[in-house]
Amino acid sequence: MTQSAVHITNETISVYQYILKLSRKEDLTFDEMYDAFDAVLEGRASDSEIASLLMGLKEKGETVGEITALVTVLKDHALKLPHHVPGVIDNCGTGGDGSNSFNISTTSAFVIAGAGVKIAKHGNKSITSLTGSSDVLSALGLKLDYFPGKVAGQLDAAGIAFLFAPFVHPKIKQIMKVRNDLKVPTVFNMIGPLINPVDLDYQYLGIYKRDQVETMAHVLKSLGRKRAVVVNGAHSMDEANLAGENRIAILKDGEVRTHILKPSDVGLPGYDMEELRGGDGHVNKQILLDVLEGKATAAQRDTVLLNAGIAIFTAEKAESIKSGIEKAKESIESGSANEKLQELIKYTNEGVK
């Protein structure tokens, strides 16, 4: 047997040992989880082994350490920016809530940028909803190609950039194929917002699973965020909304505190979930434009204000969520949010490097 063949066999056994450990409902250490998925990303694991890893984690229940290790290895294999841009936030959600709402976080991103917060929006095509963030941005005329230098330039010059996940993570195609074959939710349904290649100082994360709010806040702590907010909205939406009680976890000064946020807590009225319904890329494009141009319905506007306000608070540009909402309102009313959209369209089409 050749030395190469021995090496491949040993790598295969290594992944298999992690599968066996998971089958016994034993947690993987950070290093074991990292090594397992490093092998996957390097093409040293079969489809069946990847499926076994994902299902073993799902059936056992993923720990903070395992999720942190998975995010770390995925980021290590991603296409990185050439230099660190300080003070950046992402406001991406996991999706998966089945609400078919308009693109609330994408719309909010321009409001956040208009309030002076640098934002690197990590997103994808529609998977579980009618329209993903990249779908609506394409309809607006943005170019979604990804060059690390271009993204860094956009963040430095315009304070906003969009990162299309498949371009950022070219090594995860095999994992995505296995996910599609499995047809059940796995840890990858939760970590999309966490694998932004930008080294974020702040993060506002929406998730569709209420019982994971506090866990994900601790993952963000492990990943070194200065401040973060994780939200599961009313009706298990992966956005904060004004249709009831939102469960939020705030990571601040190294501690995680969880509580309920209601519309009355921030001086906003309540609305029915149906008022947040969106459509295809062109419908959601128009809603986004209406919000930024001050022509949206009250429910659409106030829901964006709530989410942008939470993000502005998260980025330490406001002392409270209520104060963040006021800054979000000013971003729209001054025209600054709409200007950020036009700047981003210009930069993506001109191919700034």
Protein backbone atom coordinates (compact mmCIF):
# COMPACT_ATOMS: atom_id res chain seq x y z
CA MET A 1 0.00 0.00 0.00
CA THR A 2 1.36 3.42 -0.90
CA GLN A 3 2.00 6.18 1.62
CA SER A 4 -0.77 8.25 -0.03
CA ALA A 5 -3.29 5.43 0.38
CA VAL A 6 -2.36 5.00 4.05
CA HIS A 7 -2.86 8.72 4.62
CA ILE A 8 -6.30 8.70 3.01
CA THR A 9 -7.37 5.65 5.01
CA ASN A 10 -6.25 7.24 8.27
CA GLU A 11 -8.21 10.42 7.49
CA THR A 12 -11.31 8.33 6.75
CA ILE A 13 -10.96 6.45 10.03
CA SER A 14 -10.57 9.77 11.87
CA VAL A 15 -13.91 11.07 10.59
CA TYR A 16 -15.50 7.70 11.28
CA GLN A 17 -14.35 7.85 14.90
CA TYR A 18 -16.16 11.17 15.33
CA ILE A 19 -19.29 9.62 13.83
CA LEU A 20 -19.08 6.76 16.32
CA LYS A 21 -18.68 9.20 19.19
CA LEU A 22 -21.76 11.13 18.09
CA SER A 23 -23.71 7.86 17.76
CA ARG A 24 -23.03 7.32 21.48
CA LYS A 25 -24.53 10.78 22.14
CA GLU A 26 -21.12 12.09 23.23
CA ASP A 27 -20.14 15.70 22.58
CA LEU A 28 -17.20 16.45 20.31
CA THR A 29 -14.48 18.75 21.61
CA PHE A 30 -13.75 21.96 19.71
CA ASP A 31 -10.68 20.36 18.08
CA GLU A 32 -12.56 17.18 17.12
CA MET A 33 -15.39 19.15 15.52
CA TYR A 34 -12.91 21.37 13.70
CA ASP A 35 -10.90 18.38 12.43
CA ALA A 36 -14.03 16.52 11.28
CA PHE A 37 -15.29 19.36 9.13
CA ASP A 38 -11.82 20.37 8.01
CA ALA A 39 -11.65 16.88 6.48
CA VAL A 40 -15.07 17.44 4.89
CA LEU A 41 -14.05 20.77 3.37
CA GLU A 42 -10.80 19.29 2.08
CA GLY A 43 -12.76 16.59 0.24
CA ARG A 44 -11.67 13.74 2.51
CA ALA A 45 -15.16 12.58 3.53
CA SER A 46 -17.85 10.75 1.58
CA ASP A 47 -21.45 11.90 1.27
CA SER A 48 -22.54 9.17 3.68
CA GLU A 49 -19.98 10.30 6.26
CA ILE A 50 -21.12 13.91 5.98
CA ALA A 51 -24.72 12.80 6.39
CA SER A 52 -23.77 10.74 9.44
CA LEU A 53 -21.97 13.70 11.01
CA LEU A 54 -24.92 16.02 10.43
CA MET A 55 -27.51 13.55 11.70
CA GLY A 56 -25.37 12.54 14.67
CA LEU A 57 -25.10 16.18 15.71
CA LYS A 58 -28.82 16.73 15.19
CA GLU A 59 -29.91 13.70 17.19
CA LYS A 60 -27.49 14.42 20.03
CA GLY A 61 -28.06 18.17 20.07
CA GLU A 62 -25.30 20.61 19.10
CA THR A 63 -23.29 22.26 21.88
CA VAL A 64 -21.98 25.82 21.92
CA GLY A 65 -18.45 24.47 21.46
CA GLU A 66 -19.42 22.32 18.47
CA ILE A 67 -21.24 25.17 16.72
CA THR A 68 -18.33 27.53 17.43
CA ALA A 69 -15.85 25.05 15.98
CA LEU A 70 -17.97 24.50 12.86
CA VAL A 71 -18.29 28.23 12.26
CA THR A 72 -14.55 28.69 12.81
CA VAL A 73 -13.51 26.03 10.29
CA LEU A 74 -16.00 27.28 7.69
CA LYS A 75 -14.66 30.81 8.05
CA ASP A 76 -11.07 29.55 7.83
CA HIS A 77 -11.91 28.01 4.45
CA ALA A 78 -13.84 31.04 3.16
CA LEU A 79 -12.50 33.76 0.85
CA LYS A 80 -11.37 36.46 3.28
CA LEU A 81 -11.12 40.25 3.09
CA PRO A 82 -7.60 41.62 2.60
CA HIS A 83 -7.75 43.71 5.77
CA HIS A 84 -9.84 44.10 8.90
CA VAL A 85 -12.62 46.68 8.77
CA PRO A 86 -13.51 47.70 12.34
CA GLY A 87 -16.97 48.33 13.74
CA VAL A 88 -18.90 46.12 11.28
CA ILE A 89 -22.26 44.45 12.00
CA ASP A 90 -24.34 41.83 10.19
CA ASN A 91 -28.12 41.56 10.61
CA CYS A 92 -28.71 38.30 8.75
CA GLY A 93 -31.34 35.82 9.95
CA THR A 94 -31.43 32.04 9.62
CA GLY A 95 -34.61 31.91 7.55
CA GLY A 96 -36.78 28.84 7.92
CA ASP A 97 -39.72 30.48 9.67
CA GLY A 98 -42.18 29.95 6.80
CA SER A 99 -43.69 33.42 7.26
CA ASN A 100 -43.24 34.51 3.60
CA SER A 101 -42.60 38.05 4.82
CA PHE A 102 -40.97 40.74 2.74
CA ASN A 103 -37.19 41.08 3.08
CA ILE A 104 -37.14 42.80 6.44
CA SER A 105 -33.45 42.37 7.30
CA THR A 106 -32.31 43.36 3.79
CA THR A 107 -34.45 46.51 3.89
CA SER A 108 -33.23 47.23 7.42
CA ALA A 109 -29.59 46.94 6.28
CA PHE A 110 -29.84 50.19 4.30
CA VAL A 111 -31.52 51.94 7.22
CA ILE A 112 -28.72 50.74 9.52
CA ALA A 113 -26.07 51.98 7.08
CA GLY A 114 -27.89 55.29 6.76
CA ALA A 115 -27.59 55.68 10.53
CA GLY A 116 -23.79 55.49 10.29
CA VAL A 117 -23.24 51.83 11.11
CA LYS A 118 -21.00 49.75 8.82
CA ILE A 119 -22.84 46.62 7.76
CA ALA A 120 -21.69 43.53 5.87
CA LYS A 121 -24.84 41.65 4.92
CA HIS A 122 -24.28 37.93 4.41
CA GLY A 123 -27.10 36.27 2.49
CA ASN A 124 -28.27 33.73 -0.02
CA LYS A 125 -30.94 32.86 -2.54
CA SER A 126 -34.39 31.86 -1.36
CA ILE A 127 -34.41 28.44 0.29
CA THR A 128 -37.44 28.33 2.60
CA SER A 129 -39.15 31.60 1.67
CA LEU A 130 -40.51 33.18 -1.50
CA THR A 131 -37.59 35.57 -1.90
CA GLY A 132 -34.08 35.49 -0.44
CA SER A 133 -31.92 38.55 0.11
CA SER A 134 -29.94 37.98 -3.08
CA ASP A 135 -33.16 37.67 -5.08
CA VAL A 136 -34.42 41.11 -4.07
CA LEU A 137 -30.99 42.72 -4.43
CA SER A 138 -30.66 41.31 -7.94
CA ALA A 139 -34.05 42.78 -8.76
CA LEU A 140 -32.74 46.16 -7.53
CA GLY A 141 -29.82 45.96 -9.96
CA LEU A 142 -26.97 44.97 -7.66
CA LYS A 143 -24.21 42.72 -8.97
CA LEU A 144 -23.62 39.81 -6.63
CA ASP A 145 -20.13 38.72 -7.68
CA TYR A 146 -17.75 38.51 -4.74
CA PHE A 147 -14.21 39.82 -4.66
CA PRO A 148 -12.77 40.33 -1.15
CA GLY A 149 -11.04 43.56 -2.14
CA LYS A 150 -14.23 44.95 -3.60
CA VAL A 151 -16.19 44.19 -0.43
CA ALA A 152 -13.53 45.84 1.72
CA GLY A 153 -13.67 48.87 -0.56
CA GLN A 154 -17.45 49.06 -0.29
CA LEU A 155 -17.31 48.90 3.50
CA ASP A 156 -14.64 51.60 3.67
CA ALA A 157 -16.30 53.91 1.13
CA ALA A 158 -20.04 53.32 1.47
CA GLY A 159 -20.31 51.57 4.82
CA ILE A 160 -22.35 48.70 3.38
CA ALA A 161 -21.62 45.53 1.42
CA PHE A 162 -23.51 42.40 0.47
CA LEU A 163 -21.81 38.99 0.46
CA PHE A 164 -23.47 36.20 -1.53
CA ALA A 165 -22.82 32.99 0.43
CA PRO A 166 -22.06 30.51 -2.42
CA PHE A 167 -19.31 32.81 -3.76
CA VAL A 168 -17.83 33.30 -0.29
CA HIS A 169 -17.77 29.58 0.61
CA PRO A 170 -16.76 27.67 -2.53
CA LYS A 171 -15.83 24.53 -0.56
CA ILE A 172 -19.29 23.77 0.87
CA LYS A 173 -20.90 22.47 -2.33
CA GLN A 174 -20.65 18.86 -1.19
CA ILE A 175 -22.21 19.71 2.18
CA MET A 176 -25.05 21.54 0.44
CA LYS A 177 -25.69 18.52 -1.77
CA VAL A 178 -25.91 16.26 1.29
CA ARG A 179 -28.21 18.73 3.04
CA ASN A 180 -30.53 18.72 0.06
CA ASP A 181 -30.51 14.92 -0.05
CA LEU A 182 -31.30 14.64 3.67
CA LYS A 183 -34.29 16.99 3.41
CA VAL A 184 -34.32 17.59 7.18
CA PRO A 185 -33.07 20.62 9.15
CA THR A 186 -29.49 20.33 10.40
CA VAL A 187 -27.02 22.63 12.16
CA PHE A 188 -26.47 24.33 8.79
CA ASN A 189 -29.99 25.73 9.00
CA MET A 190 -28.82 27.71 12.03
CA ILE A 191 -25.31 28.87 11.17
CA GLY A 192 -25.71 30.74 7.88
CA PRO A 193 -25.56 34.16 9.58
CA LEU A 194 -22.50 33.13 11.61
CA ILE A 195 -20.16 32.32 8.72
CA ASN A 196 -19.78 35.83 7.36
CA PRO A 197 -16.09 36.03 6.32
CA VAL A 198 -15.88 39.59 7.67
CA ASP A 199 -14.52 39.66 11.23
CA LEU A 200 -17.58 41.23 12.80
CA ASP A 201 -17.47 43.27 15.97
CA TYR A 202 -21.27 43.18 16.27
CA GLN A 203 -24.10 40.91 15.23
CA TYR A 204 -27.89 41.07 15.20
CA LEU A 205 -29.10 37.54 14.56
CA GLY A 206 -32.63 36.34 13.94
CA ILE A 207 -33.45 32.65 14.40
CA TYR A 208 -36.60 30.61 13.84
CA LYS A 209 -36.12 28.33 16.87
CA ARG A 210 -37.06 29.96 20.17
CA ASP A 211 -35.28 27.36 22.28
CA GLN A 212 -31.95 28.25 20.62
CA VAL A 213 -31.95 32.00 21.38
CA GLU A 214 -29.70 31.83 24.43
CA THR A 215 -27.46 29.12 22.92
CA MET A 216 -26.74 31.23 19.84
CA ALA A 217 -25.96 34.24 22.01
CA HIS A 218 -23.32 32.16 23.78
CA VAL A 219 -21.93 31.05 20.42
CA LEU A 220 -21.58 34.71 19.45
CA LYS A 221 -19.79 35.32 22.74
CA SER A 222 -17.39 32.46 21.92
CA LEU A 223 -16.80 33.99 18.49
CA GLY A 224 -15.67 37.22 20.14
CA ARG A 225 -18.49 39.64 19.35
CA LYS A 226 -18.30 42.88 21.37
CA ARG A 227 -22.07 43.06 21.54
CA ALA A 228 -24.77 40.92 19.98
CA VAL A 229 -28.52 40.47 20.03
CA VAL A 230 -30.31 37.25 19.11
CA VAL A 231 -34.05 37.38 18.48
CA ASN A 232 -36.87 34.95 17.87
CA GLY A 233 -39.87 37.04 16.90
CA ALA A 234 -43.53 36.54 17.68
CA HIS A 235 -44.96 33.50 15.88
CA SER A 236 -41.42 32.02 15.73
CA MET A 237 -40.30 34.46 13.06
CA ASP A 238 -36.57 34.96 12.46
CA GLU A 239 -37.09 38.72 12.68
CA ALA A 240 -38.32 40.93 15.49
CA ASN A 241 -41.90 41.94 14.76
CA LEU A 242 -44.83 43.82 16.23
CA ALA A 243 -47.36 40.97 16.24
CA GLY A 244 -46.66 39.87 19.80
CA GLU A 245 -43.82 38.96 22.13
CA ASN A 246 -40.24 38.66 20.87
CA ARG A 247 -37.72 36.64 22.82
CA ILE A 248 -34.30 38.29 22.73
CA ALA A 249 -30.90 37.54 24.22
CA ILE A 250 -28.46 40.43 24.61
CA LEU A 251 -24.71 39.82 24.82
CA LYS A 252 -23.27 42.86 26.56
CA ASP A 253 -20.10 43.24 28.61
CA GLY A 254 -19.45 39.51 28.30
CA GLU A 255 -22.78 38.47 29.82
CA VAL A 256 -25.93 37.10 28.16
CA ARG A 257 -29.33 38.22 29.41
CA THR A 258 -32.60 37.00 27.94
CA HIS A 259 -35.96 38.72 28.10
CA ILE A 260 -39.21 39.40 26.28
CA LEU A 261 -39.64 42.47 24.08
CA LYS A 262 -43.17 43.70 23.32
CA PRO A 263 -44.27 46.50 20.95
CA SER A 264 -45.31 48.67 23.88
CA ASP A 265 -41.77 48.46 25.32
CA VAL A 266 -40.44 50.54 22.42
CA GLY A 267 -43.45 52.78 21.83
CA LEU A 268 -44.70 51.08 18.68
CA PRO A 269 -48.20 49.72 17.91
CA GLY A 270 -49.02 46.10 17.21
CA TYR A 271 -49.79 44.69 13.78
CA ASP A 272 -51.06 41.44 12.33
CA MET A 273 -48.50 39.09 10.77
CA GLU A 274 -50.43 39.15 7.50
CA GLU A 275 -49.39 42.79 7.06
CA LEU A 276 -45.77 41.66 6.68
CA ARG A 277 -46.39 39.27 3.82
CA GLY A 278 -44.22 39.73 0.75
CA GLY A 279 -44.00 38.14 -2.68
CA ASP A 280 -41.49 37.45 -5.42
CA GLY A 281 -38.31 39.46 -6.00
CA HIS A 282 -40.09 42.27 -7.81
CA VAL A 283 -42.84 42.60 -5.18
CA ASN A 284 -40.29 42.67 -2.37
CA LYS A 285 -38.12 45.09 -4.32
CA GLN A 286 -41.02 47.54 -4.41
CA ILE A 287 -41.72 47.14 -0.69
CA LEU A 288 -38.05 47.83 0.05
CA LEU A 289 -38.11 50.96 -2.10
CA ASP A 290 -41.39 52.10 -0.52
CA VAL A 291 -39.88 51.79 2.97
CA LEU A 292 -36.74 53.72 2.05
CA GLU A 293 -38.76 56.40 0.22
CA GLY A 294 -41.29 56.84 3.03
CA LYS A 295 -44.18 55.32 1.05
CA ALA A 296 -44.62 51.99 2.85
CA THR A 297 -47.51 50.88 5.02
CA ALA A 298 -47.25 51.61 8.73
CA ALA A 299 -46.71 47.91 9.50
CA GLN A 300 -43.88 47.60 6.96
CA ARG A 301 -42.19 50.82 8.10
CA ASP A 302 -42.46 50.16 11.83
CA THR A 303 -41.23 46.58 11.53
CA VAL A 304 -38.14 47.79 9.67
CA LEU A 305 -37.66 50.55 12.25
CA LEU A 306 -37.81 47.97 15.05
CA ASN A 307 -35.22 45.70 13.46
CA ALA A 308 -32.93 48.53 12.37
CA GLY A 309 -33.24 50.08 15.81
CA ILE A 310 -32.18 46.85 17.51
CA ALA A 311 -29.17 46.62 15.19
CA ILE A 312 -28.15 50.24 15.81
CA PHE A 313 -28.33 49.54 19.55
CA THR A 314 -26.31 46.35 19.02
CA ALA A 315 -23.58 48.33 17.23
CA GLU A 316 -23.33 50.67 20.23
CA LYS A 317 -24.64 53.65 18.27
CA ALA A 318 -27.64 54.01 20.58
CA GLU A 319 -28.00 53.57 24.33
CA SER A 320 -31.30 51.71 24.03
CA ILE A 321 -33.43 49.97 21.42
CA LYS A 322 -35.95 52.79 21.63
CA SER A 323 -33.20 55.33 20.90
CA GLY A 324 -32.02 53.10 18.04
CA ILE A 325 -35.50 53.22 16.55
CA GLU A 326 -35.39 57.02 16.57
CA LYS A 327 -32.07 56.95 14.71
CA ALA A 328 -33.53 54.49 12.22
CA LYS A 329 -36.46 56.83 11.64
CA GLU A 330 -34.07 59.70 11.01
CA SER A 331 -32.12 57.53 8.55
CA ILE A 332 -35.24 57.05 6.44
CA GLU A 333 -36.69 60.54 6.77
CA SER A 334 -33.38 62.24 5.90
CA GLY A 335 -33.01 60.14 2.76
CA SER A 336 -29.75 58.67 4.03
CA ALA A 337 -31.00 55.06 3.88
CA ASN A 338 -32.02 55.43 0.25
CA GLU A 339 -28.68 57.05 -0.56
CA LYS A 340 -26.91 53.96 0.80
CA LEU A 341 -28.90 51.77 -1.57
CA GLN A 342 -27.93 53.93 -4.54
CA GLU A 343 -24.28 53.93 -3.44
CA LEU A 344 -24.22 50.15 -3.20
CA ILE A 345 -25.82 49.72 -6.63
CA LYS A 346 -23.17 52.05 -8.05
CA TYR A 347 -20.23 50.30 -6.37
CA THR A 348 -21.33 46.79 -7.36
CA ASN A 349 -21.87 47.78 -10.97
CA GLU A 350 -18.62 49.70 -11.28
CA GLY A 351 -16.61 46.79 -9.89
CA VAL A 352 -14.75 48.74 -7.20
CA LYS A 353 -11.68 46.75 -6.13
